[in-house]
N, C-alpha and C. Protein backbone atom coordinates (compact mmCIF):
# COMPACT_ATOMS: atom_id res chain seq x y z
N MET A 1 0.84 -1.18 0.00
CA MET A 1 0.00 0.00 0.00
C MET A 1 0.89 1.25 0.00
N LYS A 2 0.56 2.17 -0.89
CA LYS A 2 1.28 3.44 -0.94
C LYS A 2 0.34 4.54 -0.46
N VAL A 3 0.81 5.37 0.47
CA VAL A 3 -0.01 6.43 1.04
C VAL A 3 0.73 7.76 0.89
N THR A 4 0.04 8.74 0.33
CA THR A 4 0.62 10.07 0.21
C THR A 4 -0.40 11.11 0.67
N VAL A 5 0.11 12.27 1.04
CA VAL A 5 -0.75 13.39 1.42
C VAL A 5 -0.48 14.49 0.40
N ASN A 6 -1.54 14.92 -0.29
CA ASN A 6 -1.35 15.93 -1.33
C ASN A 6 -1.40 17.35 -0.75
N ASP A 7 -1.21 18.34 -1.62
CA ASP A 7 -1.08 19.74 -1.20
C ASP A 7 -2.36 20.35 -0.66
N SER A 8 -3.48 19.66 -0.76
CA SER A 8 -4.72 20.23 -0.24
C SER A 8 -4.88 20.04 1.28
N CYS A 9 -3.92 19.39 1.91
CA CYS A 9 -3.97 19.15 3.36
C CYS A 9 -4.09 20.48 4.11
N ILE A 10 -5.04 20.51 5.07
CA ILE A 10 -5.24 21.72 5.89
C ILE A 10 -4.79 21.49 7.33
N ALA A 11 -4.12 20.39 7.59
CA ALA A 11 -3.56 20.06 8.91
C ALA A 11 -4.63 20.07 10.00
N CYS A 12 -5.80 19.51 9.70
CA CYS A 12 -6.89 19.50 10.69
C CYS A 12 -6.66 18.48 11.80
N GLY A 13 -5.85 17.45 11.52
CA GLY A 13 -5.54 16.44 12.53
C GLY A 13 -6.48 15.24 12.54
N ALA A 14 -7.46 15.21 11.65
CA ALA A 14 -8.41 14.08 11.63
C ALA A 14 -7.70 12.77 11.38
N CYS A 15 -6.76 12.75 10.44
CA CYS A 15 -6.06 11.50 10.11
C CYS A 15 -5.26 10.99 11.30
N GLU A 16 -4.61 11.91 12.00
CA GLU A 16 -3.80 11.52 13.16
C GLU A 16 -4.69 10.98 14.28
N SER A 17 -5.87 11.56 14.46
CA SER A 17 -6.76 11.07 15.52
C SER A 17 -7.30 9.69 15.21
N VAL A 18 -7.44 9.36 13.92
CA VAL A 18 -7.95 8.05 13.52
C VAL A 18 -6.84 7.01 13.46
N CYS A 19 -5.65 7.43 13.01
CA CYS A 19 -4.56 6.46 12.75
C CYS A 19 -3.20 7.08 13.08
N ASP A 20 -2.93 7.26 14.36
CA ASP A 20 -1.69 7.92 14.76
C ASP A 20 -0.43 7.07 14.57
N ALA A 21 -0.61 5.80 14.25
CA ALA A 21 0.55 4.95 13.95
C ALA A 21 1.14 5.31 12.59
N VAL A 22 0.33 5.93 11.73
CA VAL A 22 0.77 6.23 10.37
C VAL A 22 0.87 7.73 10.12
N PHE A 23 -0.04 8.52 10.69
CA PHE A 23 -0.08 9.95 10.39
C PHE A 23 0.33 10.80 11.58
N SER A 24 1.07 11.87 11.29
CA SER A 24 1.37 12.89 12.28
C SER A 24 1.17 14.24 11.60
N VAL A 25 0.73 15.22 12.36
CA VAL A 25 0.40 16.51 11.79
C VAL A 25 1.20 17.60 12.48
N ASP A 26 1.94 18.37 11.69
CA ASP A 26 2.59 19.58 12.16
C ASP A 26 2.00 20.71 11.32
N ASP A 27 2.74 21.19 10.34
CA ASP A 27 2.19 22.18 9.40
C ASP A 27 1.28 21.49 8.39
N VAL A 28 1.60 20.26 8.05
CA VAL A 28 0.78 19.40 7.19
C VAL A 28 0.91 17.97 7.72
N ALA A 29 0.04 17.11 7.25
CA ALA A 29 0.12 15.70 7.66
C ALA A 29 1.32 15.03 7.02
N LYS A 30 1.95 14.16 7.78
CA LYS A 30 3.08 13.39 7.28
C LYS A 30 2.77 11.91 7.47
N VAL A 31 3.32 11.10 6.58
CA VAL A 31 3.07 9.65 6.60
C VAL A 31 4.30 8.94 7.15
N ASN A 32 4.09 8.10 8.15
CA ASN A 32 5.14 7.23 8.68
C ASN A 32 5.04 5.92 7.91
N GLU A 33 5.85 5.78 6.87
CA GLU A 33 5.78 4.61 5.99
C GLU A 33 5.95 3.30 6.75
N ALA A 34 6.77 3.30 7.79
CA ALA A 34 7.01 2.08 8.55
C ALA A 34 5.77 1.63 9.31
N GLY A 35 4.85 2.54 9.56
CA GLY A 35 3.65 2.20 10.32
C GLY A 35 2.50 1.68 9.49
N ILE A 36 2.63 1.72 8.17
CA ILE A 36 1.52 1.33 7.30
C ILE A 36 1.19 -0.16 7.42
N SER A 37 2.20 -1.00 7.38
CA SER A 37 1.98 -2.44 7.44
C SER A 37 1.27 -2.81 8.74
N GLY A 38 0.12 -3.47 8.60
CA GLY A 38 -0.67 -3.85 9.76
C GLY A 38 -1.73 -2.83 10.15
N ASN A 39 -1.67 -1.64 9.55
CA ASN A 39 -2.63 -0.59 9.87
C ASN A 39 -3.42 -0.14 8.65
N GLU A 40 -3.53 -1.02 7.67
CA GLU A 40 -4.20 -0.66 6.42
C GLU A 40 -5.64 -0.21 6.63
N ASP A 41 -6.36 -0.85 7.55
CA ASP A 41 -7.76 -0.48 7.77
C ASP A 41 -7.89 0.94 8.30
N CYS A 42 -7.04 1.30 9.27
CA CYS A 42 -7.16 2.65 9.81
C CYS A 42 -6.64 3.69 8.82
N VAL A 43 -5.72 3.32 7.94
CA VAL A 43 -5.28 4.24 6.87
C VAL A 43 -6.46 4.57 5.96
N LYS A 44 -7.21 3.54 5.58
CA LYS A 44 -8.37 3.75 4.72
C LYS A 44 -9.43 4.58 5.44
N GLU A 45 -9.63 4.34 6.72
CA GLU A 45 -10.59 5.12 7.50
C GLU A 45 -10.15 6.58 7.59
N ALA A 46 -8.85 6.81 7.79
CA ALA A 46 -8.33 8.18 7.85
C ALA A 46 -8.53 8.89 6.51
N ALA A 47 -8.29 8.18 5.42
CA ALA A 47 -8.49 8.77 4.10
C ALA A 47 -9.96 9.14 3.90
N ASP A 48 -10.85 8.28 4.37
CA ASP A 48 -12.29 8.53 4.23
C ASP A 48 -12.75 9.72 5.07
N CYS A 49 -12.12 9.95 6.21
CA CYS A 49 -12.57 11.03 7.09
C CYS A 49 -11.89 12.37 6.77
N CYS A 50 -10.92 12.38 5.89
CA CYS A 50 -10.24 13.64 5.54
C CYS A 50 -11.23 14.59 4.88
N PRO A 51 -11.42 15.79 5.45
CA PRO A 51 -12.44 16.71 4.91
C PRO A 51 -12.10 17.31 3.55
N VAL A 52 -10.82 17.25 3.17
CA VAL A 52 -10.41 17.83 1.88
C VAL A 52 -9.84 16.78 0.93
N ASN A 53 -10.03 15.49 1.28
CA ASN A 53 -9.55 14.38 0.44
C ASN A 53 -8.08 14.49 0.07
N ALA A 54 -7.26 14.84 1.07
CA ALA A 54 -5.83 15.03 0.84
C ALA A 54 -5.04 13.73 0.89
N ILE A 55 -5.61 12.67 1.43
CA ILE A 55 -4.90 11.41 1.59
C ILE A 55 -5.18 10.52 0.40
N GLU A 56 -4.11 10.12 -0.28
CA GLU A 56 -4.22 9.27 -1.46
C GLU A 56 -3.68 7.89 -1.12
N VAL A 57 -4.50 6.87 -1.33
CA VAL A 57 -4.12 5.50 -1.02
C VAL A 57 -4.14 4.69 -2.30
N GLU A 58 -3.02 4.02 -2.58
CA GLU A 58 -2.91 3.17 -3.78
C GLU A 58 -2.61 1.75 -3.36
């Protein structure tokens, strides 16, 4: 699974609250690639809850 955060991120923190093993938010959301394995379900949930659809999952 490949996860990226595009430029529309508004740093709201929703992704981090849903899946803090993978996402952290400072000025924008960042992806912890090492945390993706085993957390695929919460990554998809975080992408679904993003208000600006900034999380891209492939």
